[in-house]
Amino acid sequence: MEAPKISSADLLGSAEDAIESAVQEVLADDWVKFVKSGLTLDPRERYERIAAALGGS
C-alpha cells in the first residue's frame, strides 16, 4: 500500500515507551489514534469518517 509511513525509529520509540510505562497498547502514530477514536461509533459513521479523512466521499 502506498501511504505515508512512520519511521522504524519512531515505531521503536513508541514501543519502548509503552514497555517502560507498562501500557498494553501502542498507538504509534496519528492515523492509528484517529482510527481507534472511531471504534465506538456506529460502523456506517466510522467508515464515512475514515473515507472523508482519506479524501473520499
Protein backbone atom coordinates (compact mmCIF):
# COMPACT_ATOMS: atom_id res chain seq x y z
CA MET A 1 0.00 0.00 0.00
CA GLU A 2 1.30 3.39 -0.95
CA ALA A 3 0.84 5.63 2.05
CA PRO A 4 2.95 7.72 4.38
CA LYS A 5 4.62 5.56 6.98
CA ILE A 6 6.27 6.36 10.28
CA SER A 7 9.94 5.62 10.60
CA SER A 8 11.19 2.44 12.20
CA ALA A 9 12.91 4.56 14.84
CA ASP A 10 9.64 6.33 15.75
CA LEU A 11 7.81 3.00 15.99
CA LEU A 12 10.55 1.53 18.15
CA GLY A 13 10.47 4.60 20.37
CA SER A 14 6.71 4.23 20.85
CA ALA A 15 7.11 0.55 21.68
CA GLU A 16 9.88 1.26 24.17
CA ASP A 17 7.78 3.96 25.83
CA ALA A 18 4.88 1.52 26.13
CA ILE A 19 7.07 -1.16 27.68
CA GLU A 20 8.58 1.30 30.15
CA SER A 21 5.12 2.61 31.08
CA ALA A 22 3.63 -0.91 31.27
CA VAL A 23 0.79 0.01 28.92
CA GLN A 24 -0.87 -2.76 26.96
CA GLU A 25 -1.42 -0.90 23.73
CA VAL A 26 0.84 1.07 21.41
CA LEU A 27 -0.78 3.83 19.36
CA ALA A 28 2.28 4.73 17.35
CA ASP A 29 1.00 7.46 15.04
CA ASP A 30 -1.81 9.94 14.47
CA TRP A 31 -3.61 7.71 11.95
CA VAL A 32 -3.85 4.83 14.43
CA LYS A 33 -5.12 7.21 17.10
CA PHE A 34 -7.70 8.57 14.65
CA VAL A 35 -8.95 5.12 13.69
CA LYS A 36 -9.12 3.97 17.31
CA SER A 37 -11.09 7.07 18.27
CA GLY A 38 -13.83 5.96 15.88
CA LEU A 39 -14.19 2.39 17.12
CA THR A 40 -17.09 3.29 19.39
CA LEU A 41 -19.03 4.90 16.53
CA ASP A 42 -21.73 3.22 14.51
CA PRO A 43 -19.94 1.34 11.70
CA ARG A 44 -21.52 3.47 8.98
CA GLU A 45 -20.40 6.70 10.66
CA ARG A 46 -16.95 5.22 11.32
CA TYR A 47 -16.41 4.28 7.67
CA GLU A 48 -17.73 7.62 6.45
CA ARG A 49 -15.28 9.38 8.75
CA ILE A 50 -12.37 7.26 7.51
CA ALA A 51 -13.36 7.77 3.88
CA ALA A 52 -13.52 11.54 4.43
CA ALA A 53 -10.07 11.50 6.03
CA LEU A 54 -8.72 9.62 3.02
CA GLY A 55 -10.22 12.17 0.65
CA GLY A 56 -13.23 10.08 -0.39
CA SER A 57 -16.86 10.99 -0.08
